[in-house]
């Protein structure tokens, strides 16, 4: 009898708040897409169960990302089912075990921030929150273009003001012409000075007479 009373008291004890989904969090149930440049990069299907949360992660076969941009996207899409899930207040947390040795599990937390918008945290990565939008169940990923990078405002053209690299020119540089100054004019030596011709000797008359 006492054992039954103890069991009844345990059942009546409140479950810790961290393990109970809030009314707001129940609206998380459904499909959510991470969209960039008009294309759905990945999709999360969240399901509320009696034990907490579960769901699926639909993503490309492979892709590269820095947390803002997504590139090298290879299709078709693959689906991973959650291995565990729980409620943490307004958050739904689901975990996908990584079968590779020495690799961390993929753990995501979701929180409703609007009627059709949710915030997602990629736990343990240090990445900023992702904003998801509600999509139809089974919404397809894409469309994707070969070689395109999605998100982050990727530039594909030369920045304004840039000029293309110029190759070597085929125009020959002008030949520098040097003009040789003409040789100095030959100077002719002046003719040697001739002594002036002797003056005519005066005509001598008779000797002058003194006292004449």
C-alpha atoms as a PDB file:
ATOM      1  CA  UNK A   1       0.000   0.000   0.000  1.00  0.00           C
ATOM      2  CA  UNK A   2       2.779   2.406   0.908  1.00  0.00           C
ATOM      3  CA  UNK A   3       4.646   1.502  -2.295  1.00  0.00           C
ATOM      4  CA  UNK A   4       1.586   2.421  -4.382  1.00  0.00           C
ATOM      5  CA  UNK A   5       1.259   5.760  -2.602  1.00  0.00           C
ATOM      6  CA  UNK A   6       4.910   6.551  -3.286  1.00  0.00           C
ATOM      7  CA  UNK A   7       4.480   5.675  -6.956  1.00  0.00           C
ATOM      8  CA  UNK A   8       1.383   7.892  -7.159  1.00  0.00           C
ATOM      9  CA  UNK A   9       3.291  10.784  -5.578  1.00  0.00           C
ATOM     10  CA  UNK A  10       6.125  10.388  -8.074  1.00  0.00           C
ATOM     11  CA  UNK A  11       3.660  10.543 -10.973  1.00  0.00           C
ATOM     12  CA  UNK A  12       2.111  13.696  -9.544  1.00  0.00           C
ATOM     13  CA  UNK A  13       5.446  15.479  -9.167  1.00  0.00           C
ATOM     14  CA  UNK A  14       5.922  18.193 -11.832  1.00  0.00           C
ATOM     15  CA  UNK A  15       8.386  17.455 -14.612  1.00  0.00           C
ATOM     16  CA  UNK A  16      11.266  19.939 -14.698  1.00  0.00           C
ATOM     17  CA  UNK A  17      10.426  22.943 -16.901  1.00  0.00           C
ATOM     18  CA  UNK A  18      13.472  22.343 -19.087  1.00  0.00           C
ATOM     19  CA  UNK A  19      11.978  19.051 -20.286  1.00  0.00           C
ATOM     20  CA  UNK A  20       8.510  20.415 -21.042  1.00  0.00           C
ATOM     21  CA  UNK A  21       7.743  22.086 -24.373  1.00  0.00           C
ATOM     22  CA  UNK A  22       6.063  25.437 -23.917  1.00  0.00           C
ATOM     23  CA  UNK A  23       2.889  26.382 -25.738  1.00  0.00           C
ATOM     24  CA  UNK A  24       4.902  28.645 -28.029  1.00  0.00           C
ATOM     25  CA  UNK A  25       7.343  25.894 -28.889  1.00  0.00           C
ATOM     26  CA  UNK A  26       4.567  23.555 -30.031  1.00  0.00           C
ATOM     27  CA  UNK A  27       4.123  25.794 -33.087  1.00  0.00           C
ATOM     28  CA  UNK A  28       7.580  24.719 -34.182  1.00  0.00           C
ATOM     29  CA  UNK A  29       6.143  21.468 -35.429  1.00  0.00           C
ATOM     30  CA  UNK A  30       6.374  21.319 -39.207  1.00  0.00           C
ATOM     31  CA  UNK A  31       8.947  21.910 -41.959  1.00  0.00           C
ATOM     32  CA  UNK A  32      11.489  24.709 -41.966  1.00  0.00           C
ATOM     33  CA  UNK A  33      13.824  25.755 -44.774  1.00  0.00           C
ATOM     34  CA  UNK A  34      17.138  27.563 -44.777  1.00  0.00           C
ATOM     35  CA  UNK A  35      16.892  29.750 -47.854  1.00  0.00           C
ATOM     36  CA  UNK A  36      19.632  31.762 -49.580  1.00  0.00           C
ATOM     37  CA  UNK A  37      19.263  33.775 -52.785  1.00  0.00           C
ATOM     38  CA  UNK A  38      15.830  32.244 -53.319  1.00  0.00           C
ATOM     39  CA  UNK A  39      16.979  28.609 -53.068  1.00  0.00           C
ATOM     40  CA  UNK A  40      16.338  26.198 -50.203  1.00  0.00           C
ATOM     41  CA  UNK A  41      19.757  25.023 -49.033  1.00  0.00           C
ATOM     42  CA  UNK A  42      18.437  22.524 -46.466  1.00  0.00           C
ATOM     43  CA  UNK A  43      15.197  21.579 -44.717  1.00  0.00           C
ATOM     44  CA  UNK A  44      14.356  20.481 -41.171  1.00  0.00           C
ATOM     45  CA  UNK A  45      11.194  18.526 -40.368  1.00  0.00           C
ATOM     46  CA  UNK A  46      10.351  18.873 -36.661  1.00  0.00           C
ATOM     47  CA  UNK A  47       7.950  16.482 -34.911  1.00  0.00           C
ATOM     48  CA  UNK A  48       6.618  16.804 -31.366  1.00  0.00           C
ATOM     49  CA  UNK A  49       6.182  13.488 -29.567  1.00  0.00           C
ATOM     50  CA  UNK A  50       5.166  12.434 -26.082  1.00  0.00           C
ATOM     51  CA  UNK A  51       8.861  12.084 -25.197  1.00  0.00           C
ATOM     52  CA  UNK A  52       9.968  15.408 -26.636  1.00  0.00           C
ATOM     53  CA  UNK A  53      11.163  16.280 -30.131  1.00  0.00           C
ATOM     54  CA  UNK A  54      12.371  14.319 -33.118  1.00  0.00           C
ATOM     55  CA  UNK A  55      12.668  15.033 -36.794  1.00  0.00           C
ATOM     56  CA  UNK A  56      14.700  14.856 -39.985  1.00  0.00           C
ATOM     57  CA  UNK A  57      17.449  16.844 -41.667  1.00  0.00           C
ATOM     58  CA  UNK A  58      17.267  17.027 -45.467  1.00  0.00           C
ATOM     59  CA  UNK A  59      20.411  18.385 -47.123  1.00  0.00           C
ATOM     60  CA  UNK A  60      22.526  18.073 -50.299  1.00  0.00           C
ATOM     61  CA  UNK A  61      24.860  15.098 -50.655  1.00  0.00           C
ATOM     62  CA  UNK A  62      27.744  17.485 -49.930  1.00  0.00           C
ATOM     63  CA  UNK A  63      28.388  21.189 -49.725  1.00  0.00           C
ATOM     64  CA  UNK A  64      30.900  23.720 -48.391  1.00  0.00           C
ATOM     65  CA  UNK A  65      30.024  26.603 -46.091  1.00  0.00           C
ATOM     66  CA  UNK A  66      31.614  29.289 -43.916  1.00  0.00           C
ATOM     67  CA  UNK A  67      28.382  29.767 -41.979  1.00  0.00           C
ATOM     68  CA  UNK A  68      27.138  32.496 -44.310  1.00  0.00           C
ATOM     69  CA  UNK A  69      27.820  31.300 -47.856  1.00  0.00           C
ATOM     70  CA  UNK A  70      27.095  27.894 -49.352  1.00  0.00           C
ATOM     71  CA  UNK A  71      28.895  26.496 -52.381  1.00  0.00           C
ATOM     72  CA  UNK A  72      30.175  23.310 -54.051  1.00  0.00           C
ATOM     73  CA  UNK A  73      26.634  21.945 -53.676  1.00  0.00           C
ATOM     74  CA  UNK A  74      26.229  18.370 -54.891  1.00  0.00           C
ATOM     75  CA  UNK A  75      22.848  16.744 -55.324  1.00  0.00           C
ATOM     76  CA  UNK A  76      20.748  14.623 -54.898  1.00  0.00           C
ATOM     77  CA  UNK A  77      19.481  15.426 -51.419  1.00  0.00           C
ATOM     78  CA  UNK A  78      19.873  13.043 -48.492  1.00  0.00           C
ATOM     79  CA  UNK A  79      17.774  12.651 -45.346  1.00  0.00           C
ATOM     80  CA  UNK A  80      19.027  11.953 -41.826  1.00  0.00           C
ATOM     81  CA  UNK A  81      16.673  11.021 -39.018  1.00  0.00           C
ATOM     82  CA  UNK A  82      17.248  12.456 -35.553  1.00  0.00           C
ATOM     83  CA  UNK A  83      18.751  10.070 -33.020  1.00  0.00           C
ATOM     84  CA  UNK A  84      17.475  11.981 -30.012  1.00  0.00           C
ATOM     85  CA  UNK A  85      15.548  15.106 -29.114  1.00  0.00           C
ATOM     86  CA  UNK A  86      14.281  17.065 -26.158  1.00  0.00           C
ATOM     87  CA  UNK A  87      12.485  20.261 -25.146  1.00  0.00           C
ATOM     88  CA  UNK A  88      14.384  23.055 -23.411  1.00  0.00           C
ATOM     89  CA  UNK A  89      11.776  25.682 -22.571  1.00  0.00           C
ATOM     90  CA  UNK A  90      10.939  27.498 -25.812  1.00  0.00           C
ATOM     91  CA  UNK A  91      13.649  25.558 -27.641  1.00  0.00           C
ATOM     92  CA  UNK A  92      13.460  22.246 -29.450  1.00  0.00           C
ATOM     93  CA  UNK A  93      16.773  20.411 -29.562  1.00  0.00           C
ATOM     94  CA  UNK A  94      17.439  17.512 -31.910  1.00  0.00           C
ATOM     95  CA  UNK A  95      20.672  15.571 -32.303  1.00  0.00           C
ATOM     96  CA  UNK A  96      22.020  13.593 -35.254  1.00  0.00           C
ATOM     97  CA  UNK A  97      24.734  11.112 -34.324  1.00  0.00           C
ATOM     98  CA  UNK A  98      27.806  11.126 -36.549  1.00  0.00           C
ATOM     99  CA  UNK A  99      28.813   7.520 -37.325  1.00  0.00           C
ATOM    100  CA  UNK A 100      32.391   8.553 -38.140  1.00  0.00           C
ATOM    101  CA  UNK A 101      34.899   7.980 -35.345  1.00  0.00           C
ATOM    102  CA  UNK A 102      36.198  10.983 -33.436  1.00  0.00           C
ATOM    103  CA  UNK A 103      33.566  13.266 -34.995  1.00  0.00           C
ATOM    104  CA  UNK A 104      31.162  15.427 -33.016  1.00  0.00           C
ATOM    105  CA  UNK A 105      27.429  14.822 -33.322  1.00  0.00           C
ATOM    106  CA  UNK A 106      25.332  17.415 -35.149  1.00  0.00           C
ATOM    107  CA  UNK A 107      23.099  19.159 -32.645  1.00  0.00           C
ATOM    108  CA  UNK A 108      20.572  21.866 -33.508  1.00  0.00           C
ATOM    109  CA  UNK A 109      18.262  24.041 -31.410  1.00  0.00           C
ATOM    110  CA  UNK A 110      15.169  25.747 -32.796  1.00  0.00           C
ATOM    111  CA  UNK A 111      13.088  28.589 -31.405  1.00  0.00           C
ATOM    112  CA  UNK A 112      10.013  30.295 -32.834  1.00  0.00           C
ATOM    113  CA  UNK A 113      10.509  34.026 -33.534  1.00  0.00           C
ATOM    114  CA  UNK A 114       7.447  34.647 -35.699  1.00  0.00           C
ATOM    115  CA  UNK A 115       4.433  32.973 -37.202  1.00  0.00           C
ATOM    116  CA  UNK A 116       6.518  31.609 -40.075  1.00  0.00           C
ATOM    117  CA  UNK A 117      10.061  32.291 -38.887  1.00  0.00           C
ATOM    118  CA  UNK A 118      12.359  30.381 -36.569  1.00  0.00           C
ATOM    119  CA  UNK A 119      15.874  30.781 -35.231  1.00  0.00           C
ATOM    120  CA  UNK A 120      18.299  27.868 -35.429  1.00  0.00           C
ATOM    121  CA  UNK A 121      21.528  27.385 -33.494  1.00  0.00           C
ATOM    122  CA  UNK A 122      24.176  24.926 -34.668  1.00  0.00           C
ATOM    123  CA  UNK A 123      25.379  23.932 -31.206  1.00  0.00           C
ATOM    124  CA  UNK A 124      29.125  23.866 -30.548  1.00  0.00           C
ATOM    125  CA  UNK A 125      30.201  25.567 -33.790  1.00  0.00           C
ATOM    126  CA  UNK A 126      30.223  29.211 -32.705  1.00  0.00           C
ATOM    127  CA  UNK A 127      28.333  30.151 -35.873  1.00  0.00           C
ATOM    128  CA  UNK A 128      25.773  32.982 -35.694  1.00  0.00           C
ATOM    129  CA  UNK A 129      22.081  31.976 -35.600  1.00  0.00           C
ATOM    130  CA  UNK A 130      20.415  30.923 -38.844  1.00  0.00           C
ATOM    131  CA  UNK A 131      16.959  32.228 -39.744  1.00  0.00           C
ATOM    132  CA  UNK A 132      14.561  29.613 -41.119  1.00  0.00           C
ATOM    133  CA  UNK A 133      11.219  30.078 -42.809  1.00  0.00           C
ATOM    134  CA  UNK A 134       8.258  27.741 -42.762  1.00  0.00           C
ATOM    135  CA  UNK A 135       7.944  25.695 -45.955  1.00  0.00           C
ATOM    136  CA  UNK A 136       5.531  23.094 -47.235  1.00  0.00           C
ATOM    137  CA  UNK A 137       6.094  19.498 -46.057  1.00  0.00           C
ATOM    138  CA  UNK A 138       8.422  17.737 -48.493  1.00  0.00           C
ATOM    139  CA  UNK A 139       9.584  21.007 -50.113  1.00  0.00           C
ATOM    140  CA  UNK A 140      12.393  20.287 -52.560  1.00  0.00           C
ATOM    141  CA  UNK A 141      15.857  21.730 -52.148  1.00  0.00           C
ATOM    142  CA  UNK A 142      17.193  24.166 -54.718  1.00  0.00           C
ATOM    143  CA  UNK A 143      17.130  25.173 -57.445  1.00  0.00           C
ATOM    144  CA  UNK A 144      20.923  25.201 -57.711  1.00  0.00           C
ATOM    145  CA  UNK A 145      23.241  26.425 -60.455  1.00  0.00           C
ATOM    146  CA  UNK A 146      26.555  24.734 -61.135  1.00  0.00           C
ATOM    147  CA  UNK A 147      29.417  26.587 -59.468  1.00  0.00           C
ATOM    148  CA  UNK A 148      27.250  29.252 -57.832  1.00  0.00           C
ATOM    149  CA  UNK A 149      27.843  30.454 -54.265  1.00  0.00           C
ATOM    150  CA  UNK A 150      24.665  31.213 -52.328  1.00  0.00           C
ATOM    151  CA  UNK A 151      24.361  33.847 -49.604  1.00  0.00           C
ATOM    152  CA  UNK A 152      26.659  36.619 -48.446  1.00  0.00           C
ATOM    153  CA  UNK A 153      26.269  38.794 -51.542  1.00  0.00           C
ATOM    154  CA  UNK A 154      28.941  37.006 -53.571  1.00  0.00           C
ATOM    155  CA  UNK A 155      30.411  39.254 -56.295  1.00  0.00           C
ATOM    156  CA  UNK A 156      30.847  37.787 -59.763  1.00  0.00           C
ATOM    157  CA  UNK A 157      32.016  40.903 -61.648  1.00  0.00           C
ATOM    158  CA  UNK A 158      34.935  43.257 -61.366  1.00  0.00           C
ATOM    159  CA  UNK A 159      34.431  45.848 -58.639  1.00  0.00           C
ATOM    160  CA  UNK A 160      33.472  49.310 -59.786  1.00  0.00           C
ATOM    161  CA  UNK A 161      36.478  51.293 -60.902  1.00  0.00           C
ATOM    162  CA  UNK A 162      38.688  48.285 -61.512  1.00  0.00           C
ATOM    163  CA  UNK A 163      40.487  48.012 -64.820  1.00  0.00           C
ATOM    164  CA  UNK A 164      41.512  44.845 -66.623  1.00  0.00           C
ATOM    165  CA  UNK A 165      45.164  43.869 -66.638  1.00  0.00           C
ATOM    166  CA  UNK A 166      46.922  45.110 -69.754  1.00  0.00           C
ATOM    167  CA  UNK A 167      49.337  42.963 -71.695  1.00  0.00           C
ATOM    168  CA  UNK A 168      52.590  44.114 -73.285  1.00  0.00           C
ATOM    169  CA  UNK A 169      52.193  46.706 -76.006  1.00  0.00           C
ATOM    170  CA  UNK A 170      53.453  46.067 -79.548  1.00  0.00           C
ATOM    171  CA  UNK A 171      54.174  49.716 -80.275  1.00  0.00           C
ATOM    172  CA  UNK A 172      57.857  50.426 -80.508  1.00  0.00           C
ATOM    173  CA  UNK A 173      59.205  53.298 -78.458  1.00  0.00           C
ATOM    174  CA  UNK A 174      60.301  56.292 -80.519  1.00  0.00           C
ATOM    175  CA  UNK A 175      63.953  56.313 -81.482  1.00  0.00           C
ATOM    176  CA  UNK A 176      65.790  59.087 -79.795  1.00  0.00           C
ATOM    177  CA  UNK A 177      67.624  61.042 -82.444  1.00  0.00           C
ATOM    178  CA  UNK A 178      70.708  63.022 -81.533  1.00  0.00           C
ATOM    179  CA  UNK A 179      71.878  65.813 -83.797  1.00  0.00           C
ATOM    180  CA  UNK A 180      75.622  66.314 -84.086  1.00  0.00           C
ATOM    181  CA  UNK A 181      76.529  69.984 -83.959  1.00  0.00           C
ATOM    182  CA  UNK A 182      78.365  71.132 -87.076  1.00  0.00           C
ATOM    183  CA  UNK A 183      82.121  71.419 -86.725  1.00  0.00           C
ATOM    184  CA  UNK A 184      83.309  74.909 -85.931  1.00  0.00           C
ATOM    185  CA  UNK A 185      84.092  76.997 -88.999  1.00  0.00           C
ATOM    186  CA  UNK A 186      87.736  77.052 -89.979  1.00  0.00           C
ATOM    187  CA  UNK A 187      89.346  80.289 -89.072  1.00  0.00           C
ATOM    188  CA  UNK A 188      91.813  81.704 -91.547  1.00  0.00           C
ATOM    189  CA  UNK A 189      94.834  83.352 -90.102  1.00  0.00           C
ATOM    190  CA  UNK A 190      95.114  87.038 -91.006  1.00  0.00           C
ATOM    191  CA  UNK A 191      97.752  87.820 -93.564  1.00  0.00           C
ATOM    192  CA  UNK A 192     101.063  88.803 -92.037  1.00  0.00           C
ATOM    193  CA  UNK A 193     101.454  92.479 -91.536  1.00  0.00           C
ATOM    194  CA  UNK A 194     103.624  94.093 -94.145  1.00  0.00           C
ATOM    195  CA  UNK A 195     105.778  96.944 -92.981  1.00  0.00           C
ATOM    196  CA  UNK A 196     104.563 100.187 -94.421  1.00  0.00           C
ATOM    197  CA  UNK A 197     106.394 101.286 -97.470  1.00  0.00           C
ATOM    198  CA  UNK A 198     109.227 103.742 -96.705  1.00  0.00           C
ATOM    199  CA  UNK A 199     108.330 107.363 -97.206  1.00  0.00           C
ATOM    200  CA  UNK A 200     110.017 109.177 -99.995  1.00  0.00           C
ATOM    201  CA  UNK A 201     113.191 110.839 -98.819  1.00  0.00           C
ATOM    202  CA  UNK A 202     112.912 114.621 -98.870  1.00  0.00           C
ATOM    203  CA  UNK A 203     114.666 116.384-101.652  1.00  0.00           C
ATOM    204  CA  UNK A 204     117.779 117.947-100.262  1.00  0.00           C
ATOM    205  CA  UNK A 205     118.620 121.409-101.577  1.00  0.00           C
ATOM    206  CA  UNK A 206     121.722 123.417-100.855  1.00  0.00           C
ATOM    207  CA  UNK A 207     122.655 123.521 -97.212  1.00  0.00           C
ATOM    208  CA  UNK A 208     120.811 126.054 -95.362  1.00  0.00           C
ATOM    209  CA  UNK A 209     122.746 129.143 -94.638  1.00  0.00           C
ATOM    210  CA  UNK A 210     122.593 130.228 -91.125  1.00  0.00           C
ATOM    211  CA  UNK A 211     122.214 134.007 -90.789  1.00  0.00           C
ATOM    212  CA  UNK A 212     121.260 134.513 -94.327  1.00  0.00           C
END
